[in-house]
C-alpha atoms as a PDB file:
ATOM      1  CA  MET A   1       4.252  96.987-189.049  1.00  0.00           C
ATOM      2  CA  ASP A   2       0.765  98.349-189.469  1.00  0.00           C
ATOM      3  CA  GLY A   3      -2.000  96.037-188.345  1.00  0.00           C
ATOM      4  CA  GLY A   4      -0.287  94.722-185.247  1.00  0.00           C
ATOM      5  CA  ALA A   5      -1.814  93.401-182.045  1.00  0.00           C
ATOM      6  CA  ASP A   6       1.167  94.092-179.811  1.00  0.00           C
ATOM      7  CA  ARG A   7       4.120  96.412-179.322  1.00  0.00           C
ATOM      8  CA  ARG A   8       7.813  95.961-178.651  1.00  0.00           C
ATOM      9  CA  ALA A   9       8.851  97.094-175.193  1.00  0.00           C
ATOM     10  CA  ASP A  10      12.609  96.973-175.788  1.00  0.00           C
ATOM     11  CA  ARG A  11      12.827 100.687-176.530  1.00  0.00           C
ATOM     12  CA  ASP A  12      11.905 101.431-172.937  1.00  0.00           C
ATOM     13  CA  GLN A  13      14.685  99.224-171.589  1.00  0.00           C
ATOM     14  CA  PRO A  14      18.334 100.271-171.204  1.00  0.00           C
ATOM     15  CA  GLN A  15      20.745  98.191-173.285  1.00  0.00           C
ATOM     16  CA  ARG A  16      24.129  97.137-171.983  1.00  0.00           C
ATOM     17  CA  ARG A  17      25.434  95.968-175.361  1.00  0.00           C
ATOM     18  CA  PRO A  18      24.565  97.170-178.895  1.00  0.00           C
ATOM     19  CA  TYR A  19      23.188  93.795-180.025  1.00  0.00           C
ATOM     20  CA  GLU A  20      20.592  93.814-177.231  1.00  0.00           C
ATOM     21  CA  ARG A  21      18.416  96.072-179.396  1.00  0.00           C
ATOM     22  CA  LEU A  22      17.716  92.970-181.499  1.00  0.00           C
ATOM     23  CA  PHE A  23      15.957  91.348-178.565  1.00  0.00           C
ATOM     24  CA  GLY A  24      13.230  92.547-176.286  1.00  0.00           C
ATOM     25  CA  GLN A  25       9.790  91.855-175.018  1.00  0.00           C
ATOM     26  CA  THR A  26       6.554  91.817-176.982  1.00  0.00           C
ATOM     27  CA  VAL A  27       3.674  93.238-174.972  1.00  0.00           C
ATOM     28  CA  PRO A  28       0.104  92.561-176.176  1.00  0.00           C
ATOM     29  CA  PHE A  29      -2.135  95.588-176.567  1.00  0.00           C
ATOM     30  CA  THR A  30      -4.791  95.962-173.897  1.00  0.00           C
ATOM     31  CA  ALA A  31      -8.365  94.975-174.728  1.00  0.00           C
ATOM     32  CA  ASP A  32      -9.278  98.698-174.853  1.00  0.00           C
ATOM     33  CA  THR A  33      -6.515  99.450-177.365  1.00  0.00           C
ATOM     34  CA  LEU A  34      -7.487  96.482-179.545  1.00  0.00           C
ATOM     35  CA  ALA A  35     -11.141  97.569-179.447  1.00  0.00           C
ATOM     36  CA  ARG A  36     -10.131 101.060-180.591  1.00  0.00           C
ATOM     37  CA  LEU A  37      -7.854  99.784-183.375  1.00  0.00           C
ATOM     38  CA  TYR A  38     -10.138  96.959-184.524  1.00  0.00           C
ATOM     39  CA  PRO A  39     -13.755  97.796-183.594  1.00  0.00           C
ATOM     40  CA  GLY A  40     -14.963  94.611-185.298  1.00  0.00           C
ATOM     41  CA  GLY A  41     -12.561  92.510-183.220  1.00  0.00           C
ATOM     42  CA  ALA A  42     -11.533  89.178-184.695  1.00  0.00           C
ATOM     43  CA  ASP A  43     -13.578  89.966-187.825  1.00  0.00           C
ATOM     44  CA  ASP A  44     -11.827  93.320-188.361  1.00  0.00           C
ATOM     45  CA  TYR A  45      -8.241  92.378-187.518  1.00  0.00           C
ATOM     46  CA  PRO A  46      -7.531  89.999-190.445  1.00  0.00           C
ATOM     47  CA  ALA A  47      -8.698  92.619-192.958  1.00  0.00           C
ATOM     48  CA  VAL A  48      -6.455  95.327-191.487  1.00  0.00           C
ATOM     49  CA  PHE A  49      -3.507  92.947-191.115  1.00  0.00           C
ATOM     50  CA  GLY A  50      -4.095  91.575-194.614  1.00  0.00           C
ATOM     51  CA  ALA A  51      -4.041  95.051-196.141  1.00  0.00           C
ATOM     52  CA  ALA A  52      -0.797  95.857-194.304  1.00  0.00           C
ATOM     53  CA  THR A  53       0.690  92.562-195.499  1.00  0.00           C
ATOM     54  CA  ASP A  54      -0.334  93.290-199.096  1.00  0.00           C
ATOM     55  CA  THR A  55       1.323  96.718-198.852  1.00  0.00           C
ATOM     56  CA  ALA A  56       4.522  95.180-197.453  1.00  0.00           C
ATOM     57  CA  ILE A  57       4.573  92.689-200.339  1.00  0.00           C
ATOM     58  CA  ALA A  58       3.930  95.396-202.938  1.00  0.00           C
ATOM     59  CA  GLU A  59       6.759  97.499-201.490  1.00  0.00           C
ATOM     60  CA  GLY A  60       9.178  94.555-201.502  1.00  0.00           C
ATOM     61  CA  PHE A  61       9.436  94.005-197.734  1.00  0.00           C
ATOM     62  CA  MET A  62       7.861  90.519-197.846  1.00  0.00           C
ATOM     63  CA  LEU A  63       7.787  87.736-200.375  1.00  0.00           C
ATOM     64  CA  ALA A  64       4.459  87.244-202.128  1.00  0.00           C
ATOM     65  CA  ALA A  65       4.840  83.486-201.644  1.00  0.00           C
ATOM     66  CA  ASP A  66       4.674  84.015-197.866  1.00  0.00           C
ATOM     67  CA  GLY A  67       1.673  86.351-197.826  1.00  0.00           C
ATOM     68  CA  GLU A  68      -1.200  83.902-197.378  1.00  0.00           C
ATOM     69  CA  GLU A  69       0.584  81.937-194.654  1.00  0.00           C
ATOM     70  CA  ILE A  70       1.449  85.135-192.767  1.00  0.00           C
ATOM     71  CA  LYS A  71      -2.181  86.290-192.961  1.00  0.00           C
ATOM     72  CA  ALA A  72      -3.478  82.917-191.728  1.00  0.00           C
ATOM     73  CA  LEU A  73      -1.041  82.876-188.811  1.00  0.00           C
ATOM     74  CA  ALA A  74      -2.017  86.410-187.813  1.00  0.00           C
ATOM     75  CA  ALA A  75      -5.735  85.587-187.893  1.00  0.00           C
ATOM     76  CA  ALA A  76      -5.177  82.487-185.755  1.00  0.00           C
ATOM     77  CA  ALA A  77      -2.981  84.379-183.285  1.00  0.00           C
ATOM     78  CA  TYR A  78      -5.410  87.253-182.614  1.00  0.00           C
ATOM     79  CA  HIS A  79      -6.409  87.005-178.960  1.00  0.00           C
ATOM     80  CA  PRO A  80      -7.543  90.163-177.173  1.00  0.00           C
ATOM     81  CA  ALA A  81      -5.932  90.657-173.790  1.00  0.00           C
ATOM     82  CA  GLY A  82      -8.313  89.888-170.979  1.00  0.00           C
END
């Protein structure tokens, strides 16, 4: 998803069974990466994430009824890596 603050590390890991691709590890972006992606920090991130959420809703990947809650959770969860 666009507007993220982390990446999935499972693609770098060998899988023993096909279903293991469903699981993995979420690795927060470094502070430098977050600063590059969101120069305004915690003020910038919700706007970028919100726009990506609105696009996902418009394209049918998310329910409109969930949009505001998803945006609020993302804003509350934004913590640059230290």
